[in-house]
Every structure is written in structure tokens, then in C-alpha cells.
C-alpha atoms as a PDB file:
ATOM      1  CA  MET A   1       5.457 -16.739 103.663  1.00  0.00           C
ATOM      2  CA  ALA A   2       5.223 -13.209 102.250  1.00  0.00           C
ATOM      3  CA  LEU A   3       2.584 -12.158  99.739  1.00  0.00           C
ATOM      4  CA  GLY A   4       1.510 -15.712  99.042  1.00  0.00           C
ATOM      5  CA  TYR A   5       4.872 -16.677  97.569  1.00  0.00           C
ATOM      6  CA  ARG A   6       5.406 -20.425  97.681  1.00  0.00           C
ATOM      7  CA  ARG A   7       8.898 -21.473  98.696  1.00  0.00           C
ATOM      8  CA  ASP A   8       8.598 -24.605  96.589  1.00  0.00           C
ATOM      9  CA  MET A   9       7.875 -22.637  93.401  1.00  0.00           C
ATOM     10  CA  ASP A  10      10.567 -23.179  90.783  1.00  0.00           C
ATOM     11  CA  ILE A  11       9.918 -20.059  88.694  1.00  0.00           C
ATOM     12  CA  LEU A  12       7.897 -16.909  89.311  1.00  0.00           C
ATOM     13  CA  TYR A  13       7.419 -14.709  86.247  1.00  0.00           C
ATOM     14  CA  ILE A  14       7.010 -11.006  86.988  1.00  0.00           C
ATOM     15  CA  ALA A  15       4.970  -9.118  84.410  1.00  0.00           C
ATOM     16  CA  ALA A  16       5.046  -5.326  84.227  1.00  0.00           C
ATOM     17  CA  SER A  17       3.654  -4.538  80.750  1.00  0.00           C
ATOM     18  CA  GLY A  18       0.025  -4.028  79.836  1.00  0.00           C
ATOM     19  CA  LYS A  19      -2.048  -3.221  76.782  1.00  0.00           C
ATOM     20  CA  SER A  20       0.420  -0.621  75.484  1.00  0.00           C
ATOM     21  CA  ASP A  21       2.852  -3.450  74.628  1.00  0.00           C
ATOM     22  CA  PRO A  22       0.847  -6.614  73.813  1.00  0.00           C
ATOM     23  CA  THR A  23       3.900  -8.741  73.041  1.00  0.00           C
ATOM     24  CA  ARG A  24       5.659  -7.985  76.340  1.00  0.00           C
ATOM     25  CA  ALA A  25       2.361  -8.423  78.203  1.00  0.00           C
ATOM     26  CA  THR A  26       1.927 -11.889  76.687  1.00  0.00           C
ATOM     27  CA  ILE A  27       5.430 -13.273  77.292  1.00  0.00           C
ATOM     28  CA  PRO A  28       5.095 -14.194  81.011  1.00  0.00           C
ATOM     29  CA  TRP A  29       1.789 -15.983  80.384  1.00  0.00           C
ATOM     30  CA  HIS A  30       3.324 -17.919  77.496  1.00  0.00           C
ATOM     31  CA  LEU A  31       6.451 -18.865  79.469  1.00  0.00           C
ATOM     32  CA  ALA A  32       4.452 -20.039  82.478  1.00  0.00           C
ATOM     33  CA  ALA A  33       1.798 -22.020  80.561  1.00  0.00           C
ATOM     34  CA  ASN A  34       3.800 -23.352  77.620  1.00  0.00           C
ATOM     35  CA  GLY A  35       7.277 -23.411  79.111  1.00  0.00           C
ATOM     36  CA  SER A  36       7.602 -24.030  82.823  1.00  0.00           C
ATOM     37  CA  PHE A  37       4.366 -25.954  83.341  1.00  0.00           C
ATOM     38  CA  GLU A  38       4.982 -28.176  80.320  1.00  0.00           C
ATOM     39  CA  ALA A  39       8.522 -28.836  81.618  1.00  0.00           C
ATOM     40  CA  GLY A  40       7.101 -30.024  84.939  1.00  0.00           C
ATOM     41  CA  GLN A  41       8.198 -27.013  86.960  1.00  0.00           C
ATOM     42  CA  SER A  42       5.959 -25.323  89.489  1.00  0.00           C
ATOM     43  CA  THR A  43       5.414 -21.781  88.314  1.00  0.00           C
ATOM     44  CA  GLY A  44       3.427 -18.624  88.902  1.00  0.00           C
ATOM     45  CA  ILE A  45       2.880 -15.143  87.499  1.00  0.00           C
ATOM     46  CA  MET A  46       3.084 -11.887  89.450  1.00  0.00           C
ATOM     47  CA  LEU A  47       1.365  -8.889  87.877  1.00  0.00           C
ATOM     48  CA  VAL A  48       2.756  -5.480  88.818  1.00  0.00           C
ATOM     49  CA  GLY A  49       1.976  -2.021  87.517  1.00  0.00           C
ATOM     50  CA  ASP A  50       0.228  -1.876  84.153  1.00  0.00           C
ATOM     51  CA  SER A  51       0.236  -5.647  83.723  1.00  0.00           C
ATOM     52  CA  SER A  52      -2.789  -6.054  85.989  1.00  0.00           C
ATOM     53  CA  GLU A  53      -4.997  -4.378  83.380  1.00  0.00           C
ATOM     54  CA  VAL A  54      -4.829  -7.532  81.214  1.00  0.00           C
ATOM     55  CA  LEU A  55      -7.208  -9.206  83.674  1.00  0.00           C
ATOM     56  CA  ARG A  56     -10.005  -6.900  82.546  1.00  0.00           C
ATOM     57  CA  ALA A  57     -12.056  -8.793  79.971  1.00  0.00           C
ATOM     58  CA  ASP A  58     -12.144  -5.844  77.549  1.00  0.00           C
ATOM     59  CA  VAL A  59      -8.318  -5.788  77.546  1.00  0.00           C
ATOM     60  CA  GLY A  60      -7.221  -9.422  77.901  1.00  0.00           C
ATOM     61  CA  ASP A  61      -9.698 -10.689  75.310  1.00  0.00           C
ATOM     62  CA  ARG A  62      -8.225  -8.408  72.620  1.00  0.00           C
ATOM     63  CA  LEU A  63      -4.477  -8.620  73.226  1.00  0.00           C
ATOM     64  CA  GLU A  64      -2.370 -10.594  70.787  1.00  0.00           C
ATOM     65  CA  GLY A  65       1.387 -10.387  70.982  1.00  0.00           C
ATOM     66  CA  VAL A  66       3.507 -10.891  67.887  1.00  0.00           C
ATOM     67  CA  GLY A  67       4.429 -14.568  67.572  1.00  0.00           C
ATOM     68  CA  PHE A  68       2.279 -15.760  70.491  1.00  0.00           C
ATOM     69  CA  ALA A  69      -1.180 -17.224  70.992  1.00  0.00           C
ATOM     70  CA  PRO A  70      -3.849 -14.657  71.880  1.00  0.00           C
ATOM     71  CA  LEU A  71      -3.644 -13.681  75.544  1.00  0.00           C
ATOM     72  CA  ARG A  72      -7.189 -14.941  76.192  1.00  0.00           C
ATOM     73  CA  ASP A  73      -6.034 -18.450  75.203  1.00  0.00           C
ATOM     74  CA  LEU A  74      -2.974 -18.244  77.441  1.00  0.00           C
ATOM     75  CA  ILE A  75      -5.055 -17.002  80.386  1.00  0.00           C
ATOM     76  CA  ALA A  76      -7.430 -19.924  79.838  1.00  0.00           C
ATOM     77  CA  LYS A  77      -4.488 -22.340  79.859  1.00  0.00           C
ATOM     78  CA  VAL A  78      -3.097 -20.794  83.057  1.00  0.00           C
ATOM     79  CA  ARG A  79      -6.505 -21.232  84.688  1.00  0.00           C
ATOM     80  CA  GLU A  80      -6.838 -24.794  83.386  1.00  0.00           C
ATOM     81  CA  HIS A  81      -3.495 -25.751  84.934  1.00  0.00           C
ATOM     82  CA  ALA A  82      -4.229 -23.821  88.173  1.00  0.00           C
ATOM     83  CA  ILE A  83      -1.071 -21.736  87.809  1.00  0.00           C
ATOM     84  CA  PRO A  84      -1.225 -19.074  90.537  1.00  0.00           C
ATOM     85  CA  VAL A  85      -1.451 -15.435  89.485  1.00  0.00           C
ATOM     86  CA  PHE A  86      -0.518 -12.806  92.068  1.00  0.00           C
ATOM     87  CA  VAL A  87      -1.767  -9.233  91.726  1.00  0.00           C
END
């Protein structure tokens, strides 16, 4: 088992965008919380590069991608459903 990856995980979303592109930064969180989890799939999010900066409260609390819920709401939903986030 490398880097905490679960072999039974259906979908792992890899995020690479941060605050410079709020919409792209929001997409993996939305897909995991409102897509895969709601469809009954086991899912997770891997943050690489700039995407890890969204975990800082001063960044994640302010980001809102076009056409998506605010990132702070999506992060709360990911936490509520215990969706693993790898950094």
C-alpha cells in the first residue's frame, strides 16, 4: 500500500490547481462530494502542487469557482462524509 492509497477505492481525484484558478481548484472537491460519494462509490482526493494551498483557512474559505458551491462548503461536505484527502 503506497502513500495511503486504498486498493478498494473506486475513484481518486487528483487536484493540481490552487487559488489562482478557483474553478479548477473546486472541481475535484465537487466531483468527490457531490458525484462519486452520492453515487455510492468510494472516493478520495489527492492534492499536489498548488492545490494544497486550499487547505489554508484564509484561502479555502474565500474560493468560489464559477458554477460550484463555495469551496468551504465542499470541504465541509468532504469532512462530513469522511472522504480521505491525501497531501
